[in-house]
N, C-alpha and C. Protein backbone atom coordinates (compact mmCIF):
# COMPACT_ATOMS: atom_id res chain seq x y z
N MET A 1 -34.12 -75.98 57.47
CA MET A 1 -34.87 -75.61 56.21
C MET A 1 -35.67 -74.52 56.29
N LYS A 2 -36.65 -74.37 57.73
CA LYS A 2 -37.37 -73.40 57.58
C LYS A 2 -36.96 -72.08 58.03
N LYS A 3 -35.56 -72.12 58.45
CA LYS A 3 -34.88 -70.86 58.75
C LYS A 3 -34.40 -70.41 57.31
N LEU A 4 -33.97 -71.14 56.47
CA LEU A 4 -33.60 -70.81 54.97
C LEU A 4 -34.70 -70.12 54.35
N LYS A 5 -35.90 -70.47 54.18
CA LYS A 5 -37.30 -70.30 53.95
C LYS A 5 -37.71 -68.65 54.58
N ILE A 6 -37.29 -68.84 56.03
CA ILE A 6 -37.50 -67.45 56.26
C ILE A 6 -36.40 -66.04 55.63
N GLU A 7 -35.55 -66.60 55.70
CA GLU A 7 -34.37 -65.83 55.34
C GLU A 7 -34.66 -65.17 53.58
N LYS A 8 -34.80 -66.28 52.82
CA LYS A 8 -35.52 -66.14 51.48
C LYS A 8 -36.71 -65.01 51.48
N ILE A 9 -37.96 -65.45 52.31
CA ILE A 9 -38.99 -64.13 52.62
C ILE A 9 -38.35 -63.02 52.96
N LYS A 10 -37.61 -63.04 53.65
CA LYS A 10 -37.08 -61.62 54.25
C LYS A 10 -36.27 -60.77 53.20
N PHE A 11 -35.39 -61.51 52.39
CA PHE A 11 -34.42 -61.07 51.01
C PHE A 11 -35.40 -60.38 50.34
N TRP A 12 -36.55 -61.32 49.91
CA TRP A 12 -37.14 -60.66 48.71
C TRP A 12 -38.45 -59.90 49.13
N SER A 13 -38.81 -59.54 50.28
CA SER A 13 -39.35 -58.63 51.02
C SER A 13 -38.82 -57.40 50.73
N LEU A 14 -37.46 -57.31 51.34
CA LEU A 14 -36.79 -56.00 51.25
C LEU A 14 -36.64 -55.89 50.12
N ILE A 15 -36.22 -56.55 48.98
CA ILE A 15 -35.88 -56.26 47.72
C ILE A 15 -37.33 -55.51 47.06
N PHE A 16 -38.42 -56.14 47.43
CA PHE A 16 -39.87 -55.54 46.93
C PHE A 16 -39.96 -54.01 47.70
N ILE A 17 -39.61 -54.49 48.99
CA ILE A 17 -39.84 -52.54 49.21
C ILE A 17 -38.87 -51.73 48.73
N GLY A 18 -37.69 -52.48 48.86
CA GLY A 18 -36.53 -51.48 47.91
C GLY A 18 -37.40 -50.87 46.43
N ILE A 19 -37.69 -51.81 45.60
CA ILE A 19 -38.20 -51.36 44.57
C ILE A 19 -39.48 -50.34 44.68
N ILE A 20 -40.31 -50.99 45.48
CA ILE A 20 -41.53 -49.54 45.64
C ILE A 20 -41.18 -48.15 45.97
N LEU A 21 -39.99 -48.33 47.11
CA LEU A 21 -39.41 -47.07 47.47
C LEU A 21 -39.01 -46.55 46.08
N MET A 22 -37.99 -46.90 45.39
CA MET A 22 -37.43 -46.30 44.43
C MET A 22 -38.31 -46.02 43.18
N TRP A 23 -39.59 -46.59 42.71
CA TRP A 23 -40.23 -46.17 41.89
C TRP A 23 -41.42 -44.81 42.57
N SER A 24 -41.49 -44.90 43.83
CA SER A 24 -42.14 -43.97 44.54
C SER A 24 -41.37 -42.37 44.27
N LEU A 25 -40.01 -42.67 44.79
CA LEU A 25 -38.89 -41.55 44.40
C LEU A 25 -39.01 -40.97 42.95
N PHE A 26 -38.98 -42.32 42.27
CA PHE A 26 -38.85 -41.54 40.81
C PHE A 26 -40.14 -40.87 40.16
N ASN A 27 -41.32 -41.40 40.60
CA ASN A 27 -42.64 -40.67 40.00
C ASN A 27 -42.35 -39.60 41.10
N TYR A 28 -42.35 -39.25 42.17
CA TYR A 28 -42.18 -38.08 42.87
C TYR A 28 -41.28 -36.84 42.31
N SER A 29 -40.09 -37.43 41.78
CA SER A 29 -38.99 -36.21 41.00
C SER A 29 -39.76 -36.11 39.77
N LEU A 30 -40.32 -36.82 39.18
CA LEU A 30 -40.80 -36.43 37.62
C LEU A 30 -42.14 -35.42 37.79
N SER A 31 -42.53 -35.68 39.09
CA SER A 31 -43.84 -34.88 38.82
C SER A 31 -43.24 -33.32 39.72
N LYS A 32 -41.73 -33.41 40.01
CA LYS A 32 -41.80 -31.87 40.69
C LYS A 32 -40.91 -31.37 39.32
N ALA A 33 -40.40 -32.33 38.20
CA ALA A 33 -39.48 -31.71 37.42
C ALA A 33 -40.40 -31.62 36.04
N ALA A 34 -41.69 -31.47 36.27
CA ALA A 34 -42.40 -30.53 35.06
C ALA A 34 -41.87 -29.32 34.42
N ILE A 35 -41.43 -29.29 33.15
CA ILE A 35 -40.86 -28.63 32.30
C ILE A 35 -41.64 -28.34 31.51
N THR A 36 -41.91 -26.74 31.30
CA THR A 36 -42.45 -26.45 30.06
C THR A 36 -41.91 -26.05 28.82
N SER A 37 -42.70 -25.86 27.67
CA SER A 37 -41.87 -25.08 26.64
C SER A 37 -41.30 -23.90 26.92
N GLN A 38 -42.21 -22.79 27.55
CA GLN A 38 -41.64 -21.56 28.06
C GLN A 38 -40.39 -21.45 28.97
N ASP A 39 -40.27 -22.50 29.78
CA ASP A 39 -39.03 -22.71 30.42
C ASP A 39 -37.79 -23.12 29.91
N ILE A 40 -37.88 -23.79 28.70
CA ILE A 40 -37.10 -24.38 27.76
C ILE A 40 -36.29 -23.20 26.85
N LYS A 41 -37.39 -22.35 26.49
CA LYS A 41 -37.39 -20.97 26.12
C LYS A 41 -36.47 -20.07 26.68
N ASN A 42 -36.88 -19.92 27.44
CA ASN A 42 -36.04 -18.94 28.99
C ASN A 42 -34.79 -19.44 29.07
N GLU A 43 -34.34 -20.47 29.34
CA GLU A 43 -33.21 -21.25 29.50
C GLU A 43 -32.43 -20.97 28.24
N ALA A 44 -32.97 -21.39 27.29
CA ALA A 44 -31.92 -21.32 25.81
C ALA A 44 -31.68 -19.95 25.52
N SER A 45 -32.03 -18.71 25.91
CA SER A 45 -32.31 -17.58 25.55
C SER A 45 -30.96 -16.98 26.61
N ASN A 46 -30.73 -17.43 27.79
CA ASN A 46 -29.98 -17.00 28.92
C ASN A 46 -28.82 -18.33 28.77
N PHE A 47 -28.94 -19.25 28.17
CA PHE A 47 -27.57 -19.90 27.91
C PHE A 47 -26.47 -19.52 28.01
N GLY A 48 -25.16 -19.90 28.90
CA GLY A 48 -24.38 -19.19 29.06
C GLY A 48 -24.09 -17.75 29.42
N SER A 49 -25.10 -17.00 29.69
CA SER A 49 -25.07 -15.70 30.07
C SER A 49 -24.50 -15.55 31.73
N ASP A 50 -24.68 -16.18 32.52
CA ASP A 50 -24.11 -16.52 33.66
C ASP A 50 -22.97 -17.18 34.12
N SER A 51 -22.43 -18.03 32.92
CA SER A 51 -21.11 -18.72 33.11
C SER A 51 -19.72 -18.16 33.65
N PRO A 52 -19.18 -18.55 34.56
CA PRO A 52 -17.93 -18.15 34.94
C PRO A 52 -16.96 -17.91 34.20
N ILE A 53 -16.84 -18.63 33.11
CA ILE A 53 -15.96 -19.30 32.25
C ILE A 53 -16.10 -18.20 30.68
N LYS A 54 -15.43 -16.99 30.60
CA LYS A 54 -15.16 -15.90 29.56
C LYS A 54 -14.01 -16.06 28.88
N SER A 55 -13.06 -16.37 29.15
CA SER A 55 -11.93 -16.29 28.34
C SER A 55 -11.23 -17.81 28.40
N VAL A 56 -10.11 -17.59 27.66
CA VAL A 56 -9.15 -19.10 27.94
C VAL A 56 -8.46 -19.09 29.52
N GLN A 57 -8.33 -18.08 30.27
CA GLN A 57 -7.34 -18.05 31.50
C GLN A 57 -8.53 -18.51 32.56
N ASP A 58 -10.18 -18.30 32.31
CA ASP A 58 -11.06 -18.66 33.10
C ASP A 58 -11.21 -20.22 32.81
N ILE A 59 -10.69 -20.77 31.59
CA ILE A 59 -10.55 -22.42 31.80
C ILE A 59 -9.55 -22.96 32.66
N THR A 60 -8.64 -22.34 32.05
CA THR A 60 -7.21 -22.83 32.63
C THR A 60 -7.20 -22.86 34.52
N SER A 61 -7.97 -21.69 34.60
CA SER A 61 -8.25 -21.81 36.20
C SER A 61 -9.19 -22.88 36.88
N VAL A 62 -10.11 -22.92 35.89
CA VAL A 62 -11.09 -24.07 36.27
C VAL A 62 -10.35 -25.34 36.29
N ILE A 63 -9.74 -25.57 35.50
CA ILE A 63 -8.96 -26.73 35.34
C ILE A 63 -7.78 -26.93 36.62
N GLU A 64 -7.23 -25.66 36.76
CA GLU A 64 -6.00 -25.95 37.92
C GLU A 64 -6.83 -26.18 38.89
N GLY A 65 -8.19 -25.68 39.47
CA GLY A 65 -8.92 -25.82 40.14
C GLY A 65 -9.34 -27.65 40.85
N LEU A 66 -9.56 -28.21 39.33
CA LEU A 66 -9.71 -29.17 39.52
C LEU A 66 -8.76 -30.15 39.62
N VAL A 67 -7.33 -29.96 39.03
CA VAL A 67 -6.37 -30.56 38.96
C VAL A 67 -5.83 -30.59 40.91
N ARG A 68 -5.99 -29.35 41.54
CA ARG A 68 -5.75 -28.95 42.82
C ARG A 68 -6.30 -29.98 43.52
N TRP A 69 -7.59 -30.38 43.35
CA TRP A 69 -8.39 -31.27 44.07
C TRP A 69 -7.95 -33.06 44.14
N VAL A 70 -7.77 -33.05 42.65
CA VAL A 70 -7.45 -34.42 42.18
C VAL A 70 -6.23 -34.73 42.88
N TYR A 71 -5.07 -33.70 43.01
CA TYR A 71 -4.11 -34.05 43.52
C TYR A 71 -4.16 -34.30 45.28
N TYR A 72 -5.01 -33.48 45.46
CA TYR A 72 -5.24 -33.32 47.61
C TYR A 72 -5.56 -35.22 47.96
N ILE A 73 -6.73 -35.18 46.77
CA ILE A 73 -7.43 -36.44 47.18
C ILE A 73 -6.60 -37.67 46.91
N PHE A 74 -5.68 -37.70 45.90
CA PHE A 74 -4.99 -38.56 45.64
C PHE A 74 -3.58 -38.78 46.73
N PHE A 75 -3.25 -37.58 47.15
CA PHE A 75 -2.37 -37.76 48.10
C PHE A 75 -2.60 -38.16 49.67
N VAL A 76 -3.98 -37.64 49.81
CA VAL A 76 -4.47 -38.33 51.23
C VAL A 76 -4.76 -39.99 51.05
N ALA A 77 -5.18 -40.39 49.56
CA ALA A 77 -5.15 -41.78 49.42
C ALA A 77 -4.06 -42.58 49.83
N ALA A 78 -2.98 -41.97 49.32
CA ALA A 78 -1.60 -42.57 49.45
C ALA A 78 -0.97 -42.71 50.81
N VAL A 79 -1.67 -41.36 51.57
CA VAL A 79 -1.12 -41.60 53.30
C VAL A 79 -1.97 -42.53 53.97
N TYR A 80 -3.26 -42.84 53.33
CA TYR A 80 -3.90 -43.82 54.09
C TYR A 80 -3.01 -45.00 53.63
N PHE A 81 -3.08 -45.45 52.38
CA PHE A 81 -2.53 -46.88 51.76
C PHE A 81 -1.04 -46.96 52.52
N LEU A 82 -0.31 -45.85 52.50
CA LEU A 82 1.23 -45.85 53.89
C LEU A 82 1.04 -46.35 54.80
N LEU A 83 -0.18 -45.54 55.40
CA LEU A 83 -0.48 -45.98 56.79
C LEU A 83 -0.84 -47.34 56.86
N ALA A 84 -1.81 -48.12 56.11
CA ALA A 84 -2.29 -49.62 56.05
C ALA A 84 -1.18 -50.05 55.63
N ALA A 85 -0.38 -49.75 55.03
CA ALA A 85 0.96 -50.94 54.58
C ALA A 85 1.82 -50.63 55.71
N ALA A 86 2.22 -49.87 56.76
CA ALA A 86 3.13 -49.74 57.66
C ALA A 86 1.99 -50.52 58.78
N PHE A 87 1.11 -50.35 58.96
CA PHE A 87 0.26 -51.66 60.07
C PHE A 87 0.18 -52.61 59.79
N GLY A 88 0.34 -53.08 58.59
CA GLY A 88 0.12 -54.39 57.98
C GLY A 88 1.43 -55.01 58.05
N TYR A 89 2.60 -54.53 57.84
CA TYR A 89 3.86 -55.02 58.28
C TYR A 89 4.02 -55.15 59.68
N LEU A 90 3.84 -54.01 60.52
CA LEU A 90 3.92 -54.44 61.91
C LEU A 90 3.28 -55.37 62.67
N ALA A 91 1.59 -55.36 62.43
CA ALA A 91 0.74 -56.41 62.75
C ALA A 91 1.01 -57.77 62.02
N GLY A 92 1.77 -57.85 60.88
CA GLY A 92 1.56 -59.01 60.07
C GLY A 92 2.97 -59.95 60.80
N GLY A 93 3.85 -59.52 61.15
CA GLY A 93 4.76 -60.15 61.68
C GLY A 93 5.15 -61.39 60.59
N SER A 94 4.83 -62.52 61.01
CA SER A 94 5.72 -63.48 60.26
C SER A 94 4.07 -64.07 59.27
N ASN A 95 3.33 -63.20 59.47
CA ASN A 95 2.14 -64.20 58.63
C ASN A 95 2.28 -63.53 56.88
N PRO A 96 2.64 -64.78 56.29
CA PRO A 96 2.90 -64.21 54.77
C PRO A 96 1.71 -63.46 54.12
N GLU A 97 0.20 -63.78 54.70
CA GLU A 97 -0.95 -63.11 53.80
C GLU A 97 -0.73 -61.43 54.18
N ALA A 98 -0.50 -61.55 55.53
CA ALA A 98 -0.60 -60.20 56.15
C ALA A 98 0.21 -59.20 55.07
N VAL A 99 1.79 -59.70 55.11
CA VAL A 99 2.88 -59.01 54.53
C VAL A 99 2.26 -59.04 53.18
N LYS A 100 1.76 -59.92 52.64
CA LYS A 100 1.29 -59.39 50.95
C LYS A 100 0.28 -58.40 50.94
N LYS A 101 -0.58 -58.31 51.92
CA LYS A 101 -1.61 -57.37 51.68
C LYS A 101 -0.79 -56.02 52.13
N ALA A 102 0.02 -55.93 52.90
CA ALA A 102 1.24 -55.03 53.05
C ALA A 102 1.85 -54.07 51.87
N HIS A 103 2.41 -55.27 51.14
CA HIS A 103 2.93 -55.21 49.81
C HIS A 103 1.73 -54.57 48.87
N LYS A 104 0.62 -54.74 49.01
CA LYS A 104 -0.23 -54.15 48.24
C LYS A 104 -0.74 -52.79 48.39
N SER A 105 -0.58 -52.95 49.87
CA SER A 105 -0.84 -51.29 49.83
C SER A 105 -0.02 -50.60 49.58
N LEU A 106 1.18 -51.00 49.76
CA LEU A 106 2.31 -49.80 49.39
C LEU A 106 2.51 -49.60 47.73
N LEU A 107 1.94 -50.79 47.11
CA LEU A 107 1.70 -50.33 45.75
C LEU A 107 0.63 -49.68 45.36
N TRP A 108 -0.15 -49.61 45.69
CA TRP A 108 -1.58 -48.41 45.71
C TRP A 108 -0.88 -47.12 46.54
N ALA A 109 -0.18 -47.24 47.24
CA ALA A 109 0.36 -46.00 47.72
C ALA A 109 1.11 -45.32 46.33
N PHE A 110 2.11 -46.25 45.91
CA PHE A 110 2.70 -45.59 45.15
C PHE A 110 1.91 -45.27 43.91
N VAL A 111 0.81 -45.81 43.34
CA VAL A 111 -0.03 -45.35 42.26
C VAL A 111 -0.78 -44.19 42.54
N ALA A 112 -1.24 -44.28 43.67
CA ALA A 112 -1.69 -42.56 44.18
C ALA A 112 -0.90 -41.43 43.98
N ILE A 113 0.27 -41.75 44.53
CA ILE A 113 1.13 -40.82 44.49
C ILE A 113 1.83 -40.38 42.59
N ALA A 114 1.80 -41.33 41.84
CA ALA A 114 2.00 -41.36 40.72
C ALA A 114 0.81 -40.66 39.54
N VAL A 115 -0.66 -40.99 40.24
CA VAL A 115 -1.67 -40.24 39.62
C VAL A 115 -1.88 -38.97 39.93
N ALA A 116 -1.39 -38.30 41.12
CA ALA A 116 -1.20 -36.89 41.85
C ALA A 116 -0.36 -36.40 40.77
N LEU A 117 0.94 -37.08 40.47
CA LEU A 117 1.90 -36.14 40.08
C LEU A 117 1.53 -36.00 38.74
N ILE A 118 0.84 -37.32 37.68
CA ILE A 118 0.34 -37.20 36.16
C ILE A 118 -0.40 -35.88 35.99
N SER A 119 -1.08 -35.73 37.15
CA SER A 119 -2.44 -34.89 37.09
C SER A 119 -1.90 -33.50 36.81
N VAL A 120 -0.87 -33.05 37.62
CA VAL A 120 -0.55 -31.88 37.38
C VAL A 120 0.34 -31.59 36.09
N GLY A 121 0.83 -32.58 35.84
CA GLY A 121 1.24 -32.61 34.17
C GLY A 121 0.31 -32.53 33.39
N ALA A 122 -0.26 -33.39 33.56
CA ALA A 122 -1.58 -33.41 32.13
C ALA A 122 -2.47 -31.80 32.39
N ALA A 123 -2.43 -31.17 33.63
CA ALA A 123 -3.09 -29.92 33.58
C ALA A 123 -1.96 -28.81 32.90
N ASN A 124 -0.63 -29.19 32.78
CA ASN A 124 0.19 -28.29 32.34
C ASN A 124 0.21 -28.42 31.05
N ILE A 125 0.01 -29.56 30.13
CA ILE A 125 -0.16 -29.80 28.96
C ILE A 125 -1.49 -29.34 28.38
N VAL A 126 -2.57 -29.48 29.20
CA VAL A 126 -3.86 -28.92 28.69
C VAL A 126 -3.80 -27.55 28.41
N ARG A 127 -2.92 -26.70 29.46
CA ARG A 127 -2.98 -24.98 29.75
C ARG A 127 -2.14 -24.59 28.45
N ASP A 128 -1.05 -25.36 28.05
CA ASP A 128 -0.33 -24.91 27.22
C ASP A 128 -0.82 -24.87 25.83
N PHE A 129 -1.70 -26.42 25.56
CA PHE A 129 -2.43 -26.63 24.37
C PHE A 129 -3.76 -25.62 24.14
N ILE A 130 -4.21 -24.89 25.12
CA ILE A 130 -5.20 -24.13 24.67
C ILE A 130 -4.84 -22.79 25.08
N THR A 131 -3.92 -22.34 25.60
CA THR A 131 -3.41 -20.96 25.48
C THR A 131 -3.00 -20.30 24.22
N PRO A 132 -3.32 -19.44 24.00
CA PRO A 132 -2.85 -18.62 22.60
C PRO A 132 -1.66 -18.55 22.43
N VAL A 133 -0.58 -19.00 21.62
CA VAL A 133 0.62 -18.34 21.19
C VAL A 133 1.08 -16.80 21.79
N GLY A 134 2.13 -16.54 22.53
CA GLY A 134 2.41 -15.31 23.16
C GLY A 134 1.57 -14.81 24.55
N GLY A 135 0.40 -15.56 24.54
CA GLY A 135 -0.39 -15.14 25.32
C GLY A 135 -0.18 -15.89 27.10
N SER A 136 -0.83 -15.36 27.95
CA SER A 136 -0.32 -16.11 29.18
C SER A 136 -1.56 -16.29 29.76
């Protein structure tokens, strides 16, 4: 009983310390982010002047870059799930729970591959949609 009370005290004191830390970080960030009306006017006058996107081809190159990252991330996830499934099948042996986990890992590997392939197709659809007819 006494141990449970000590655990509760530890828990609530950690919560309290966390709240105090978050509050102090929030106040610190607000004090550093003081924006004047002149700052807003300067940003409004320069809005978009340094943007890397100047044409439709720039938009498509940004989308293709994002899709490339999604593609790589999901294929890495697929490899991870395939390795987890293989390990699950090997280590599981006759344990039905381990085999069930391996089945789920294999399913998630296929989902990751499907998302990676769909992202490439979606990028092509968006590129075709925003590219002017007869343009490249």
